[in-house]
Amino acid sequence: MTMAITIYHNARCGTSRNTLAAIREAGHEPQVVDYLVNPPTRDTLIRLIQEAGITAREAVRSKETVFTELGLGQPGVGDDALLDAMVAHPILIERPFVVTPKGVRLCRPFTRVNEVL
């Protein structure tokens, strides 16, 4: 039986590709959201982060140039600023988030997807 699965995917990311492959190898065909083209709303992003049991800081990609350019690593930068930056610059959203009826996970490493399959 196939369950409804959504992956917030970046095809240029190896971890995201591996996660998508693991979902398919488990017999599921997920809804694939290219979050760079169709980014989640701020409310959706907040929900994903909360349901994954992580913080906004854990959900932001600190290796991206724009992270440094915006000064997001500075002390005192709070969740609201991080969320605003991720909404304005979706490349800052860590990937991939996977949503299933069993929960939400930020699948880094990609094997974390098994927790919700």
PDB file of N, CA and C in Angstrom:
ATOM      1  N   MET A   1       0.847  -1.183   0.000  1.00  0.00           N
ATOM      2  CA  MET A   1       0.000   0.000   0.000  1.00  0.00           C
ATOM      3  C   MET A   1       0.887   1.239   0.000  1.00  0.00           C
ATOM      4  N   THR A   2       0.614   2.149  -0.899  1.00  0.00           N
ATOM      5  CA  THR A   2       1.390   3.374  -1.015  1.00  0.00           C
ATOM      6  C   THR A   2       0.820   4.436  -0.091  1.00  0.00           C
ATOM      7  N   MET A   3       1.722   5.112   0.635  1.00  0.00           N
ATOM      8  CA  MET A   3       1.281   6.203   1.494  1.00  0.00           C
ATOM      9  C   MET A   3       1.619   7.528   0.836  1.00  0.00           C
ATOM     10  N   ALA A   4       0.898   8.564   1.234  1.00  0.00           N
ATOM     11  CA  ALA A   4       1.148   9.905   0.718  1.00  0.00           C
ATOM     12  C   ALA A   4       2.457  10.422   1.314  1.00  0.00           C
ATOM     13  N   ILE A   5       3.406  10.722   0.438  1.00  0.00           N
ATOM     14  CA  ILE A   5       4.712  11.209   0.855  1.00  0.00           C
ATOM     15  C   ILE A   5       5.044  12.439   0.026  1.00  0.00           C
ATOM     16  N   THR A   6       5.587  13.450   0.682  1.00  0.00           N
ATOM     17  CA  THR A   6       6.067  14.638  -0.006  1.00  0.00           C
ATOM     18  C   THR A   6       7.526  14.832   0.362  1.00  0.00           C
ATOM     19  N   ILE A   7       8.349  15.119  -0.642  1.00  0.00           N
ATOM     20  CA  ILE A   7       9.744  15.442  -0.408  1.00  0.00           C
ATOM     21  C   ILE A   7      10.012  16.844  -0.950  1.00  0.00           C
ATOM     22  N   TYR A   8      10.588  17.677  -0.114  1.00  0.00           N
ATOM     23  CA  TYR A   8      11.033  19.011  -0.521  1.00  0.00           C
ATOM     24  C   TYR A   8      12.455  18.810  -1.026  1.00  0.00           C
ATOM     25  N   HIS A   9      12.602  18.838  -2.338  1.00  0.00           N
ATOM     26  CA  HIS A   9      13.745  18.282  -3.048  1.00  0.00           C
ATOM     27  C   HIS A   9      14.540  19.339  -3.808  1.00  0.00           C
ATOM     28  N   ASN A  10      15.851  19.112  -3.843  1.00  0.00           N
ATOM     29  CA  ASN A  10      16.749  19.877  -4.701  1.00  0.00           C
ATOM     30  C   ASN A  10      17.540  18.843  -5.494  1.00  0.00           C
ATOM     31  N   ALA A  11      17.278  18.749  -6.786  1.00  0.00           N
ATOM     32  CA  ALA A  11      17.896  17.726  -7.625  1.00  0.00           C
ATOM     33  C   ALA A  11      19.414  17.864  -7.711  1.00  0.00           C
ATOM     34  N   ARG A  12      19.956  19.018  -7.356  1.00  0.00           N
ATOM     35  CA  ARG A  12      21.405  19.216  -7.397  1.00  0.00           C
ATOM     36  C   ARG A  12      22.094  18.706  -6.137  1.00  0.00           C
ATOM     37  N   CYS A  13      21.320  18.295  -5.152  1.00  0.00           N
ATOM     38  CA  CYS A  13      21.853  17.853  -3.859  1.00  0.00           C
ATOM     39  C   CYS A  13      21.904  16.325  -3.808  1.00  0.00           C
ATOM     40  N   GLY A  14      23.090  15.778  -3.550  1.00  0.00           N
ATOM     41  CA  GLY A  14      23.253  14.329  -3.465  1.00  0.00           C
ATOM     42  C   GLY A  14      22.418  13.703  -2.369  1.00  0.00           C
ATOM     43  N   THR A  15      22.353  14.338  -1.211  1.00  0.00           N
ATOM     44  CA  THR A  15      21.549  13.801  -0.113  1.00  0.00           C
ATOM     45  C   THR A  15      20.076  13.762  -0.495  1.00  0.00           C
ATOM     46  N   SER A  16      19.611  14.798  -1.166  1.00  0.00           N
ATOM     47  CA  SER A  16      18.218  14.839  -1.591  1.00  0.00           C
ATOM     48  C   SER A  16      17.945  13.752  -2.636  1.00  0.00           C
ATOM     49  N   ARG A  17      18.857  13.574  -3.573  1.00  0.00           N
ATOM     50  CA  ARG A  17      18.686  12.512  -4.584  1.00  0.00           C
ATOM     51  C   ARG A  17      18.688  11.138  -3.930  1.00  0.00           C
ATOM     52  N   ASN A  18      19.580  10.919  -2.971  1.00  0.00           N
ATOM     53  CA  ASN A  18      19.632   9.628  -2.274  1.00  0.00           C
ATOM     54  C   ASN A  18      18.359   9.372  -1.480  1.00  0.00           C
ATOM     55  N   THR A  19      17.815  10.408  -0.867  1.00  0.00           N
ATOM     56  CA  THR A  19      16.571  10.271  -0.109  1.00  0.00           C
ATOM     57  C   THR A  19      15.423   9.908  -1.040  1.00  0.00           C
ATOM     58  N   LEU A  20      15.330  10.589  -2.163  1.00  0.00           N
ATOM     59  CA  LEU A  20      14.284  10.296  -3.142  1.00  0.00           C
ATOM     60  C   LEU A  20      14.415   8.854  -3.633  1.00  0.00           C
ATOM     61  N   ALA A  21      15.630   8.425  -3.905  1.00  0.00           N
ATOM     62  CA  ALA A  21      15.848   7.040  -4.354  1.00  0.00           C
ATOM     63  C   ALA A  21      15.429   6.048  -3.277  1.00  0.00           C
ATOM     64  N   ALA A  22      15.723   6.337  -2.011  1.00  0.00           N
ATOM     65  CA  ALA A  22      15.344   5.437  -0.912  1.00  0.00           C
ATOM     66  C   ALA A  22      13.828   5.324  -0.786  1.00  0.00           C
ATOM     67  N   ILE A  23      13.132   6.431  -0.968  1.00  0.00           N
ATOM     68  CA  ILE A  23      11.666   6.407  -0.923  1.00  0.00           C
ATOM     69  C   ILE A  23      11.131   5.515  -2.039  1.00  0.00           C
ATOM     70  N   ARG A  24      11.676   5.693  -3.221  1.00  0.00           N
ATOM     71  CA  ARG A  24      11.224   4.895  -4.365  1.00  0.00           C
ATOM     72  C   ARG A  24      11.588   3.420  -4.195  1.00  0.00           C
ATOM     73  N   GLU A  25      12.770   3.148  -3.655  1.00  0.00           N
ATOM     74  CA  GLU A  25      13.184   1.758  -3.425  1.00  0.00           C
ATOM     75  C   GLU A  25      12.279   1.078  -2.399  1.00  0.00           C
ATOM     76  N   ALA A  26      11.671   1.876  -1.518  1.00  0.00           N
ATOM     77  CA  ALA A  26      10.735   1.333  -0.532  1.00  0.00           C
ATOM     78  C   ALA A  26       9.341   1.127  -1.132  1.00  0.00           C
ATOM     79  N   GLY A  27       9.189   1.436  -2.428  1.00  0.00           N
ATOM     80  CA  GLY A  27       7.930   1.177  -3.110  1.00  0.00           C
ATOM     81  C   GLY A  27       6.951   2.329  -3.133  1.00  0.00           C
ATOM     82  N   HIS A  28       7.419   3.538  -2.873  1.00  0.00           N
ATOM     83  CA  HIS A  28       6.533   4.710  -2.848  1.00  0.00           C
ATOM     84  C   HIS A  28       6.927   5.690  -3.946  1.00  0.00           C
ATOM     85  N   GLU A  29       5.937   6.354  -4.491  1.00  0.00           N
ATOM     86  CA  GLU A  29       6.197   7.430  -5.440  1.00  0.00           C
ATOM     87  C   GLU A  29       5.727   8.726  -4.781  1.00  0.00           C
ATOM     88  N   PRO A  30       6.677   9.527  -4.297  1.00  0.00           N
ATOM     89  CA  PRO A  30       6.309  10.728  -3.554  1.00  0.00           C
ATOM     90  C   PRO A  30       5.927  11.890  -4.458  1.00  0.00           C
ATOM     91  N   GLN A  31       5.252  12.842  -3.854  1.00  0.00           N
ATOM     92  CA  GLN A  31       5.071  14.134  -4.501  1.00  0.00           C
ATOM     93  C   GLN A  31       6.404  14.852  -4.321  1.00  0.00           C
ATOM     94  N   VAL A  32       7.006  15.262  -5.404  1.00  0.00           N
ATOM     95  CA  VAL A  32       8.309  15.921  -5.358  1.00  0.00           C
ATOM     96  C   VAL A  32       8.091  17.421  -5.517  1.00  0.00           C
ATOM     97  N   VAL A  33       8.486  18.179  -4.506  1.00  0.00           N
ATOM     98  CA  VAL A  33       8.369  19.632  -4.545  1.00  0.00           C
ATOM     99  C   VAL A  33       9.768  20.205  -4.722  1.00  0.00           C
ATOM    100  N   ASP A  34      10.005  20.826  -5.868  1.00  0.00           N
ATOM    101  CA  ASP A  34      11.268  21.529  -6.086  1.00  0.00           C
ATOM    102  C   ASP A  34      11.145  22.837  -5.303  1.00  0.00           C
ATOM    103  N   TYR A  35      11.673  22.830  -4.095  1.00  0.00           N
ATOM    104  CA  TYR A  35      11.429  23.962  -3.203  1.00  0.00           C
ATOM    105  C   TYR A  35      12.152  25.229  -3.633  1.00  0.00           C
ATOM    106  N   LEU A  36      13.089  25.133  -4.564  1.00  0.00           N
ATOM    107  CA  LEU A  36      13.711  26.347  -5.087  1.00  0.00           C
ATOM    108  C   LEU A  36      12.776  27.053  -6.065  1.00  0.00           C
ATOM    109  N   VAL A  37      11.935  26.279  -6.761  1.00  0.00           N
ATOM    110  CA  VAL A  37      10.963  26.818  -7.706  1.00  0.00           C
ATOM    111  C   VAL A  37       9.642  27.131  -6.991  1.00  0.00           C
ATOM    112  N   ASN A  38       9.234  26.239  -6.092  1.00  0.00           N
ATOM    113  CA  ASN A  38       7.984  26.380  -5.340  1.00  0.00           C
ATOM    114  C   ASN A  38       8.289  26.308  -3.844  1.00  0.00           C
ATOM    115  N   PRO A  39       8.859  27.384  -3.297  1.00  0.00           N
ATOM    116  CA  PRO A  39       9.251  27.342  -1.885  1.00  0.00           C
ATOM    117  C   PRO A  39       8.048  27.269  -0.949  1.00  0.00           C
ATOM    118  N   PRO A  40       8.252  26.653   0.200  1.00  0.00           N
ATOM    119  CA  PRO A  40       7.161  26.622   1.179  1.00  0.00           C
ATOM    120  C   PRO A  40       6.898  28.020   1.724  1.00  0.00           C
ATOM    121  N   THR A  41       5.665  28.236   2.129  1.00  0.00           N
ATOM    122  CA  THR A  41       5.344  29.501   2.786  1.00  0.00           C
ATOM    123  C   THR A  41       6.017  29.523   4.159  1.00  0.00           C
ATOM    124  N   ARG A  42       6.038  30.664   4.768  1.00  0.00           N
ATOM    125  CA  ARG A  42       6.629  30.780   6.108  1.00  0.00           C
ATOM    126  C   ARG A  42       5.908  29.855   7.082  1.00  0.00           C
ATOM    127  N   ASP A  43       4.567  29.830   7.009  1.00  0.00           N
ATOM    128  CA  ASP A  43       3.795  28.962   7.904  1.00  0.00           C
ATOM    129  C   ASP A  43       4.104  27.482   7.662  1.00  0.00           C
ATOM    130  N   THR A  44       4.233  27.096   6.402  1.00  0.00           N
ATOM    131  CA  THR A  44       4.571  25.705   6.090  1.00  0.00           C
ATOM    132  C   THR A  44       5.969  25.379   6.596  1.00  0.00           C
ATOM    133  N   LEU A  45       6.895  26.294   6.403  1.00  0.00           N
ATOM    134  CA  LEU A  45       8.261  26.076   6.873  1.00  0.00           C
ATOM    135  C   LEU A  45       8.299  25.918   8.390  1.00  0.00           C
ATOM    136  N   ILE A  46       7.568  26.753   9.090  1.00  0.00           N
ATOM    137  CA  ILE A  46       7.489  26.648  10.557  1.00  0.00           C
ATOM    138  C   ILE A  46       6.931  25.282  10.953  1.00  0.00           C
ATOM    139  N   ARG A  47       5.886  24.843  10.275  1.00  0.00           N
ATOM    140  CA  ARG A  47       5.275  23.539  10.577  1.00  0.00           C
ATOM    141  C   ARG A  47       6.257  22.401  10.318  1.00  0.00           C
ATOM    142  N   LEU A  48       6.955  22.446   9.188  1.00  0.00           N
ATOM    143  CA  LEU A  48       7.936  21.408   8.874  1.00  0.00           C
ATOM    144  C   LEU A  48       9.005  21.316   9.960  1.00  0.00           C
ATOM    145  N   ILE A  49       9.516  22.460  10.362  1.00  0.00           N
ATOM    146  CA  ILE A  49      10.572  22.516  11.376  1.00  0.00           C
ATOM    147  C   ILE A  49      10.063  21.976  12.707  1.00  0.00           C
ATOM    148  N   GLN A  50       8.885  22.437  13.113  1.00  0.00           N
ATOM    149  CA  GLN A  50       8.323  21.987  14.390  1.00  0.00           C
ATOM    150  C   GLN A  50       8.045  20.489  14.379  1.00  0.00           C
ATOM    151  N   GLU A  51       7.418  19.996  13.309  1.00  0.00           N
ATOM    152  CA  GLU A  51       7.060  18.583  13.252  1.00  0.00           C
ATOM    153  C   GLU A  51       8.285  17.686  13.105  1.00  0.00           C
ATOM    154  N   ALA A  52       9.380  18.228  12.574  1.00  0.00           N
ATOM    155  CA  ALA A  52      10.619  17.461  12.475  1.00  0.00           C
ATOM    156  C   ALA A  52      11.371  17.450  13.805  1.00  0.00           C
ATOM    157  N   GLY A  53      10.919  18.293  14.737  1.00  0.00           N
ATOM    158  CA  GLY A  53      11.545  18.340  16.055  1.00  0.00           C
ATOM    159  C   GLY A  53      12.920  18.986  16.058  1.00  0.00           C
ATOM    160  N   ILE A  54      13.096  19.960  15.157  1.00  0.00           N
ATOM    161  CA  ILE A  54      14.373  20.666  15.080  1.00  0.00           C
ATOM    162  C   ILE A  54      14.144  22.160  15.270  1.00  0.00           C
ATOM    163  N   THR A  55      15.215  22.905  15.282  1.00  0.00           N
ATOM    164  CA  THR A  55      15.134  24.358  15.421  1.00  0.00           C
ATOM    165  C   THR A  55      15.313  25.013  14.056  1.00  0.00           C
ATOM    166  N   ALA A  56      14.954  26.280  13.987  1.00  0.00           N
ATOM    167  CA  ALA A  56      15.167  27.035  12.746  1.00  0.00           C
ATOM    168  C   ALA A  56      16.648  27.046  12.391  1.00  0.00           C
ATOM    169  N   ARG A  57      17.512  27.140  13.377  1.00  0.00           N
ATOM    170  CA  ARG A  57      18.958  27.144  13.124  1.00  0.00           C
ATOM    171  C   ARG A  57      19.407  25.811  12.508  1.00  0.00           C
ATOM    172  N   GLU A  58      18.804  24.707  12.934  1.00  0.00           N
ATOM    173  CA  GLU A  58      19.146  23.399  12.362  1.00  0.00           C
ATOM    174  C   GLU A  58      18.593  23.230  10.946  1.00  0.00           C
ATOM    175  N   ALA A  59      17.615  24.041  10.584  1.00  0.00           N
ATOM    176  CA  ALA A  59      16.972  23.937   9.273  1.00  0.00           C
ATOM    177  C   ALA A  59      17.566  24.881   8.238  1.00  0.00           C
ATOM    178  N   VAL A  60      18.540  25.687   8.638  1.00  0.00           N
ATOM    179  CA  VAL A  60      19.141  26.645   7.707  1.00  0.00           C
ATOM    180  C   VAL A  60      20.495  26.122   7.233  1.00  0.00           C
ATOM    181  N   ARG A  61      20.760  26.333   5.946  1.00  0.00           N
ATOM    182  CA  ARG A  61      22.032  25.907   5.354  1.00  0.00           C
ATOM    183  C   ARG A  61      23.077  26.993   5.573  1.00  0.00           C
ATOM    184  N   SER A  62      23.951  26.751   6.512  1.00  0.00           N
ATOM    185  CA  SER A  62      24.962  27.754   6.847  1.00  0.00           C
ATOM    186  C   SER A  62      26.113  27.787   5.843  1.00  0.00           C
ATOM    187  N   LYS A  63      26.203  26.799   4.971  1.00  0.00           N
ATOM    188  CA  LYS A  63      27.288  26.752   3.992  1.00  0.00           C
ATOM    189  C   LYS A  63      27.025  27.615   2.761  1.00  0.00           C
ATOM    190  N   GLU A  64      25.829  28.133   2.636  1.00  0.00           N
ATOM    191  CA  GLU A  64      25.498  28.962   1.472  1.00  0.00           C
ATOM    192  C   GLU A  64      26.092  30.364   1.630  1.00  0.00           C
ATOM    193  N   THR A  65      26.554  30.918   0.536  1.00  0.00           N
ATOM    194  CA  THR A  65      27.165  32.247   0.535  1.00  0.00           C
ATOM    195  C   THR A  65      26.222  33.296   1.109  1.00  0.00           C
ATOM    196  N   VAL A  66      24.953  33.216   0.760  1.00  0.00           N
ATOM    197  CA  VAL A  66      23.979  34.210   1.215  1.00  0.00           C
ATOM    198  C   VAL A  66      23.830  34.183   2.743  1.00  0.00           C
ATOM    199  N   PHE A  67      24.072  33.038   3.366  1.00  0.00           N
ATOM    200  CA  PHE A  67      24.030  32.938   4.825  1.00  0.00           C
ATOM    201  C   PHE A  67      25.039  33.906   5.433  1.00  0.00           C
ATOM    202  N   THR A  68      26.244  33.880   4.917  1.00  0.00           N
ATOM    203  CA  THR A  68      27.297  34.771   5.406  1.00  0.00           C
ATOM    204  C   THR A  68      27.007  36.215   5.026  1.00  0.00           C
ATOM    205  N   GLU A  69      26.585  36.423   3.793  1.00  0.00           N
ATOM    206  CA  GLU A  69      26.290  37.780   3.316  1.00  0.00           C
ATOM    207  C   GLU A  69      25.232  38.464   4.175  1.00  0.00           C
ATOM    208  N   LEU A  70      24.260  37.696   4.638  1.00  0.00           N
ATOM    209  CA  LEU A  70      23.183  38.257   5.464  1.00  0.00           C
ATOM    210  C   LEU A  70      23.548  38.320   6.946  1.00  0.00           C
ATOM    211  N   GLY A  71      24.718  37.820   7.310  1.00  0.00           N
ATOM    212  CA  GLY A  71      25.150  37.860   8.705  1.00  0.00           C
ATOM    213  C   GLY A  71      24.347  36.942   9.609  1.00  0.00           C
ATOM    214  N   LEU A  72      23.822  35.849   9.069  1.00  0.00           N
ATOM    215  CA  LEU A  72      22.939  34.987   9.844  1.00  0.00           C
ATOM    216  C   LEU A  72      23.664  34.165  10.908  1.00  0.00           C
ATOM    217  N   GLY A  73      24.976  34.114  10.835  1.00  0.00           N
ATOM    218  CA  GLY A  73      25.739  33.381  11.834  1.00  0.00           C
ATOM    219  C   GLY A  73      26.133  34.216  13.036  1.00  0.00           C
ATOM    220  N   GLN A  74      25.767  35.468  13.008  1.00  0.00           N
ATOM    221  CA  GLN A  74      26.120  36.373  14.094  1.00  0.00           C
ATOM    222  C   GLN A  74      25.332  36.047  15.365  1.00  0.00           C
ATOM    223  N   PRO A  75      25.955  36.252  16.526  1.00  0.00           N
ATOM    224  CA  PRO A  75      25.228  36.051  17.783  1.00  0.00           C
ATOM    225  C   PRO A  75      23.976  36.943  17.821  1.00  0.00           C
ATOM    226  N   GLY A  76      22.933  36.417  18.370  1.00  0.00           N
ATOM    227  CA  GLY A  76      21.710  37.191  18.522  1.00  0.00           C
ATOM    228  C   GLY A  76      20.742  37.095  17.359  1.00  0.00           C
ATOM    229  N   VAL A  77      21.136  36.437  16.263  1.00  0.00           N
ATOM    230  CA  VAL A  77      20.207  36.266  15.152  1.00  0.00           C
ATOM    231  C   VAL A  77      19.209  35.188  15.560  1.00  0.00           C
ATOM    232  N   GLY A  78      17.951  35.586  15.650  1.00  0.00           N
ATOM    233  CA  GLY A  78      16.920  34.682  16.151  1.00  0.00           C
ATOM    234  C   GLY A  78      16.164  33.941  15.070  1.00  0.00           C
ATOM    235  N   ASP A  79      15.223  33.131  15.526  1.00  0.00           N
ATOM    236  CA  ASP A  79      14.436  32.300  14.624  1.00  0.00           C
ATOM    237  C   ASP A  79      13.676  33.112  13.584  1.00  0.00           C
ATOM    238  N   ASP A  80      13.103  34.246  13.992  1.00  0.00           N
ATOM    239  CA  ASP A  80      12.336  35.048  13.030  1.00  0.00           C
ATOM    240  C   ASP A  80      13.212  35.502  11.871  1.00  0.00           C
ATOM    241  N   ALA A  81      14.421  35.950  12.165  1.00  0.00           N
ATOM    242  CA  ALA A  81      15.334  36.392  11.111  1.00  0.00           C
ATOM    243  C   ALA A  81      15.735  35.214  10.220  1.00  0.00           C
ATOM    244  N   LEU A  82      15.969  34.059  10.827  1.00  0.00           N
ATOM    245  CA  LEU A  82      16.335  32.880  10.040  1.00  0.00           C
ATOM    246  C   LEU A  82      15.182  32.451   9.133  1.00  0.00           C
ATOM    247  N   LEU A  83      13.972  32.435   9.680  1.00  0.00           N
ATOM    248  CA  LEU A  83      12.801  32.062   8.884  1.00  0.00           C
ATOM    249  C   LEU A  83      12.571  33.048   7.742  1.00  0.00           C
ATOM    250  N   ASP A  84      12.685  34.336   8.048  1.00  0.00           N
ATOM    251  CA  ASP A  84      12.523  35.354   7.000  1.00  0.00           C
ATOM    252  C   ASP A  84      13.548  35.154   5.891  1.00  0.00           C
ATOM    253  N   ALA A  85      14.780  34.848   6.265  1.00  0.00           N
ATOM    254  CA  ALA A  85      15.840  34.633   5.276  1.00  0.00           C
ATOM    255  C   ALA A  85      15.560  33.397   4.427  1.00  0.00           C
ATOM    256  N   MET A  86      15.092  32.321   5.065  1.00  0.00           N
ATOM    257  CA  MET A  86      14.798  31.099   4.316  1.00  0.00           C
ATOM    258  C   MET A  86      13.644  31.304   3.340  1.00  0.00           C
ATOM    259  N   VAL A  87      12.656  32.086   3.727  1.00  0.00           N
ATOM    260  CA  VAL A  87      11.534  32.362   2.837  1.00  0.00           C
ATOM    261  C   VAL A  87      11.996  33.235   1.667  1.00  0.00           C
ATOM    262  N   ALA A  88      12.825  34.232   1.956  1.00  0.00           N
ATOM    263  CA  ALA A  88      13.319  35.131   0.912  1.00  0.00           C
ATOM    264  C   ALA A  88      14.354  34.465   0.010  1.00  0.00           C
ATOM    265  N   HIS A  89      15.111  33.526   0.571  1.00  0.00           N
ATOM    266  CA  HIS A  89      16.195  32.847  -0.149  1.00  0.00           C
ATOM    267  C   HIS A  89      16.064  31.338   0.093  1.00  0.00           C
ATOM    268  N   PRO A  90      15.194  30.651  -0.657  1.00  0.00           N
ATOM    269  CA  PRO A  90      14.942  29.231  -0.394  1.00  0.00           C
ATOM    270  C   PRO A  90      16.192  28.346  -0.426  1.00  0.00           C
ATOM    271  N   ILE A  91      17.254  28.781  -1.086  1.00  0.00           N
ATOM    272  CA  ILE A  91      18.489  27.998  -1.093  1.00  0.00           C
ATOM    273  C   ILE A  91      19.009  27.799   0.330  1.00  0.00           C
ATOM    274  N   LEU A  92      18.569  28.633   1.261  1.00  0.00           N
ATOM    275  CA  LEU A  92      18.991  28.520   2.660  1.00  0.00           C
ATOM    276  C   LEU A  92      18.264  27.423   3.423  1.00  0.00           C
ATOM    277  N   ILE A  93      17.223  26.847   2.834  1.00  0.00           N
ATOM    278  CA  ILE A  93      16.485  25.780   3.515  1.00  0.00           C
ATOM    279  C   ILE A  93      17.282  24.486   3.381  1.00  0.00           C
ATOM    280  N   GLU A  94      17.606  23.886   4.517  1.00  0.00           N
ATOM    281  CA  GLU A  94      18.303  22.595   4.504  1.00  0.00           C
ATOM    282  C   GLU A  94      17.391  21.574   3.856  1.00  0.00           C
ATOM    283  N   ARG A  95      17.992  20.582   3.236  1.00  0.00           N
ATOM    284  CA  ARG A  95      17.204  19.602   2.498  1.00  0.00           C
ATOM    285  C   ARG A  95      17.765  18.216   2.717  1.00  0.00           C
ATOM    286  N   PRO A  96      16.866  17.272   2.437  1.00  0.00           N
ATOM    287  CA  PRO A  96      15.458  17.360   2.068  1.00  0.00           C
ATOM    288  C   PRO A  96      14.546  17.123   3.272  1.00  0.00           C
ATOM    289  N   PHE A  97      13.473  17.864   3.329  1.00  0.00           N
ATOM    290  CA  PHE A  97      12.409  17.556   4.277  1.00  0.00           C
ATOM    291  C   PHE A  97      11.515  16.523   3.618  1.00  0.00           C
ATOM    292  N   VAL A  98      11.101  15.521   4.389  1.00  0.00           N
ATOM    293  CA  VAL A  98      10.171  14.503   3.904  1.00  0.00           C
ATOM    294  C   VAL A  98       8.991  14.450   4.860  1.00  0.00           C
ATOM    295  N   VAL A  99       7.794  14.463   4.285  1.00  0.00           N
ATOM    296  CA  VAL A  99       6.547  14.425   5.051  1.00  0.00           C
ATOM    297  C   VAL A  99       5.809  13.142   4.694  1.00  0.00           C
ATOM    298  N   THR A 100       5.469  12.352   5.712  1.00  0.00           N
ATOM    299  CA  THR A 100       4.667  11.144   5.516  1.00  0.00           C
ATOM    300  C   THR A 100       3.613  11.109   6.619  1.00  0.00           C
ATOM    301  N   PRO A 101       2.653  10.188   6.521  1.00  0.00           N
ATOM    302  CA  PRO A 101       1.689  10.052   7.614  1.00  0.00           C
ATOM    303  C   PRO A 101       2.355   9.680   8.945  1.00  0.00           C
ATOM    304  N   LYS A 102       3.571   9.177   8.911  1.00  0.00           N
ATOM    305  CA  LYS A 102       4.282   8.793  10.130  1.00  0.00           C
ATOM    306  C   LYS A 102       5.108   9.925  10.728  1.00  0.00           C
ATOM    307  N   GLY A 103       5.184  11.065  10.030  1.00  0.00           N
ATOM    308  CA  GLY A 103       5.917  12.194  10.586  1.00  0.00           C
ATOM    309  C   GLY A 103       6.703  12.961   9.541  1.00  0.00           C
ATOM    310  N   VAL A 104       7.480  13.918  10.040  1.00  0.00           N
ATOM    311  CA  VAL A 104       8.308  14.778   9.202  1.00  0.00           C
ATOM    312  C   VAL A 104       9.754  14.605   9.656  1.00  0.00           C
ATOM    313  N   ARG A 105      10.652  14.515   8.691  1.00  0.00           N
ATOM    314  CA  ARG A 105      12.070  14.433   9.015  1.00  0.00           C
ATOM    315  C   ARG A 105      12.868  15.309   8.060  1.00  0.00           C
ATOM    316  N   LEU A 106      13.905  15.917   8.597  1.00  0.00           N
ATOM    317  CA  LEU A 106      14.947  16.506   7.782  1.00  0.00           C
ATOM    318  C   LEU A 106      15.931  15.361   7.574  1.00  0.00           C
ATOM    319  N   CYS A 107      16.019  14.869   6.369  1.00  0.00           N
ATOM    320  CA  CYS A 107      16.724  13.609   6.098  1.00  0.00           C
ATOM    321  C   CYS A 107      18.205  13.822   5.797  1.00  0.00           C
ATOM    322  N   ARG A 108      18.916  14.219   6.820  1.00  0.00           N
ATOM    323  CA  ARG A 108      20.375  14.340   6.796  1.00  0.00           C
ATOM    324  C   ARG A 108      20.884  13.569   7.989  1.00  0.00           C
ATOM    325  N   PRO A 109      21.482  12.428   7.808  1.00  0.00           N
ATOM    326  CA  PRO A 109      21.753  11.761   6.542  1.00  0.00           C
ATOM    327  C   PRO A 109      20.473  11.203   5.922  1.00  0.00           C
ATOM    328  N   PHE A 110      20.580  10.813   4.671  1.00  0.00           N
ATOM    329  CA  PHE A 110      19.382  10.399   3.929  1.00  0.00           C
ATOM    330  C   PHE A 110      18.704   9.185   4.566  1.00  0.00           C
ATOM    331  N   THR A 111      19.441   8.390   5.325  1.00  0.00           N
ATOM    332  CA  THR A 111      18.853   7.201   5.947  1.00  0.00           C
ATOM    333  C   THR A 111      17.803   7.551   6.990  1.00  0.00           C
ATOM    334  N   ARG A 112      17.745   8.808   7.420  1.00  0.00           N
ATOM    335  CA  ARG A 112      16.701   9.222   8.368  1.00  0.00           C
ATOM    336  C   ARG A 112      15.310   9.052   7.787  1.00  0.00           C
ATOM    337  N   VAL A 113      15.213   8.978   6.462  1.00  0.00           N
ATOM    338  CA  VAL A 113      13.902   8.790   5.840  1.00  0.00           C
ATOM    339  C   VAL A 113      13.268   7.484   6.306  1.00  0.00           C
ATOM    340  N   ASN A 114      14.076   6.503   6.654  1.00  0.00           N
ATOM    341  CA  ASN A 114      13.534   5.215   7.097  1.00  0.00           C
ATOM    342  C   ASN A 114      12.710   5.354   8.379  1.00  0.00           C
ATOM    343  N   GLU A 115      12.946   6.399   9.147  1.00  0.00           N
ATOM    344  CA  GLU A 115      12.179   6.629  10.385  1.00  0.00           C
ATOM    345  C   GLU A 115      10.720   6.933  10.116  1.00  0.00           C
ATOM    346  N   VAL A 116      10.402   7.406   8.913  1.00  0.00           N
ATOM    347  CA  VAL A 116       9.024   7.800   8.607  1.00  0.00           C
ATOM    348  C   VAL A 116       8.413   7.013   7.443  1.00  0.00           C
ATOM    349  N   LEU A 117       9.117   5.983   6.988  1.00  0.00           N
ATOM    350  CA  LEU A 117       8.554   5.141   5.918  1.00  0.00           C
ATOM    351  C   LEU A 117       7.826   3.938   6.511  1.00  0.00           C
TER     352      LEU A 117
END
